[in-house]
Amino acid sequence: MEFERSESLRFNYHNIFFSYYFNNERSCTQMIHDHMLVYVYSGELVVEENNQRKEIHSGECVFLRRDNHVSMTKQPKNKEQFKAIFMIFSRNFLREFYQTLDKKSYHLKPTNTNRA
């Protein structure tokens, strides 16, 4: 388990991260290498992707797809510090998970990819 403390707390346990920031805001720009699901417990997460800005508030989730360049700003909202859980789904994890599914029970139908 990883633990850092400076202006923040961050725990990493098997690609599930918990983040807590003490100061006003923290910004980063990064390439998302694996699919990621983010649940904002408190505060606000601002995600900018392809010139679109999306605010994710307390109690909301956002899915960030892999191989994508995003800018994230983690900031307090209504006097609540930013707290969030980041779940990273690596390709190996998804492949292993998919292998455990009973595909026959999902009754998946092929989709028509021909578009007029």
Protein backbone atom coordinates (compact mmCIF):
# COMPACT_ATOMS: atom_id res chain seq x y z
CA MET A 1 0.00 0.00 0.00
CA GLU A 2 1.29 3.44 -0.90
CA PHE A 3 0.88 6.38 1.49
CA GLU A 4 1.88 9.98 0.81
CA ARG A 5 1.39 13.03 2.98
CA SER A 6 2.32 16.55 2.09
CA GLU A 7 -0.68 18.60 1.12
CA SER A 8 -2.71 15.44 0.54
CA LEU A 9 -3.41 11.87 1.53
CA ARG A 10 -3.39 9.16 -1.10
CA PHE A 11 -3.80 5.43 -0.63
CA ASN A 12 -3.27 2.84 -3.38
CA TYR A 13 -4.55 -0.69 -2.86
CA HIS A 14 -4.64 -2.93 -5.93
CA ASN A 15 -5.33 -0.06 -8.36
CA ILE A 16 -8.03 1.49 -6.19
CA PHE A 17 -6.97 4.96 -5.07
CA PHE A 18 -8.41 7.14 -2.33
CA SER A 19 -7.49 10.84 -2.60
CA TYR A 20 -7.92 13.61 -0.04
CA TYR A 21 -6.54 17.14 -0.54
CA PHE A 22 -5.99 19.66 2.25
CA ASN A 23 -5.35 22.77 0.17
CA ASN A 24 -7.64 24.62 -2.20
CA GLU A 25 -7.16 22.73 -5.46
CA ARG A 26 -4.88 20.41 -7.37
CA SER A 27 -4.64 20.19 -11.15
CA CYS A 28 -3.01 17.65 -13.41
CA THR A 29 -2.95 16.83 -17.08
CA GLN A 30 -2.32 13.25 -17.99
CA MET A 31 -2.78 10.46 -20.47
CA ILE A 32 -5.25 7.93 -19.13
CA HIS A 33 -3.61 4.58 -19.96
CA ASP A 34 -6.33 2.35 -18.48
CA HIS A 35 -10.09 2.72 -18.08
CA MET A 36 -10.90 4.55 -14.86
CA LEU A 37 -14.04 5.02 -12.77
CA VAL A 38 -14.00 7.98 -10.38
CA TYR A 39 -16.47 8.45 -7.52
CA VAL A 40 -16.40 11.93 -5.94
CA TYR A 41 -17.21 11.63 -2.23
CA SER A 42 -16.93 15.37 -1.51
CA GLY A 43 -15.67 18.46 -3.25
CA GLU A 44 -15.64 18.68 -7.02
CA LEU A 45 -13.69 17.20 -9.92
CA VAL A 46 -13.47 19.24 -13.12
CA VAL A 47 -12.54 17.15 -16.17
CA GLU A 48 -11.56 18.79 -19.45
CA GLU A 49 -11.39 16.53 -22.48
CA ASN A 50 -11.41 17.48 -26.18
CA ASN A 51 -12.30 21.10 -25.35
CA GLN A 52 -15.30 19.99 -23.27
CA ARG A 53 -15.55 20.76 -19.55
CA LYS A 54 -17.52 18.56 -17.16
CA GLU A 55 -18.00 19.15 -13.41
CA ILE A 56 -18.46 16.05 -11.27
CA HIS A 57 -19.98 16.86 -7.88
CA SER A 58 -20.25 15.04 -4.57
CA GLY A 59 -22.05 11.70 -4.98
CA GLU A 60 -21.43 11.49 -8.74
CA CYS A 61 -19.26 9.17 -10.85
CA VAL A 62 -17.40 9.63 -14.11
CA PHE A 63 -15.93 7.01 -16.43
CA LEU A 64 -12.68 7.96 -18.16
CA ARG A 65 -11.78 5.80 -21.14
CA ARG A 66 -8.29 4.54 -21.77
CA ASP A 67 -5.77 6.07 -24.15
CA ASN A 68 -7.24 9.52 -23.66
CA HIS A 69 -5.64 12.84 -22.71
CA VAL A 70 -7.52 14.71 -19.94
CA SER A 71 -7.01 17.59 -17.58
CA MET A 72 -8.40 17.15 -14.06
CA THR A 73 -8.83 19.76 -11.34
CA LYS A 74 -9.62 18.43 -7.86
CA GLN A 75 -11.09 21.18 -5.70
CA PRO A 76 -13.19 21.83 -2.59
CA LYS A 77 -16.85 22.75 -2.95
CA ASN A 78 -19.18 24.24 -0.29
CA LYS A 79 -16.33 24.19 2.27
CA GLU A 80 -15.82 20.43 1.79
CA GLN A 81 -12.35 19.22 0.82
CA PHE A 82 -11.95 17.07 -2.26
CA LYS A 83 -12.24 13.34 -1.52
CA ALA A 84 -12.57 10.70 -4.22
CA ILE A 85 -12.05 7.06 -5.06
CA PHE A 86 -10.32 6.24 -8.36
CA MET A 87 -10.76 2.68 -9.63
CA ILE A 88 -8.36 1.73 -12.41
CA PHE A 89 -9.30 -1.16 -14.69
CA SER A 90 -6.16 -2.46 -16.41
CA ARG A 91 -6.46 -4.49 -19.59
CA ASN A 92 -5.29 -7.61 -17.74
CA PHE A 93 -7.91 -7.14 -15.02
CA LEU A 94 -10.70 -6.68 -17.59
CA ARG A 95 -9.52 -9.67 -19.63
CA GLU A 96 -9.44 -11.89 -16.53
CA PHE A 97 -12.84 -10.61 -15.38
CA TYR A 98 -14.37 -11.22 -18.82
CA GLN A 99 -13.12 -14.81 -18.74
CA THR A 100 -15.08 -15.44 -15.50
CA LEU A 101 -18.43 -14.32 -16.99
CA ASP A 102 -21.05 -16.80 -18.13
CA LYS A 103 -21.54 -15.32 -21.59
CA LYS A 104 -24.59 -17.50 -22.35
CA SER A 105 -26.57 -15.92 -19.52
CA TYR A 106 -26.33 -12.42 -21.02
CA HIS A 107 -28.21 -13.17 -24.28
CA LEU A 108 -26.10 -10.71 -26.25
CA LYS A 109 -27.25 -10.03 -29.78
CA PRO A 110 -24.87 -8.95 -32.52
CA THR A 111 -25.15 -5.28 -33.40
CA ASN A 112 -25.46 -4.04 -36.95
CA THR A 113 -22.40 -1.95 -37.72
CA ASN A 114 -23.57 -1.00 -41.21
CA ARG A 115 -24.73 2.60 -41.15
CA ALA A 116 -26.73 4.24 -43.91
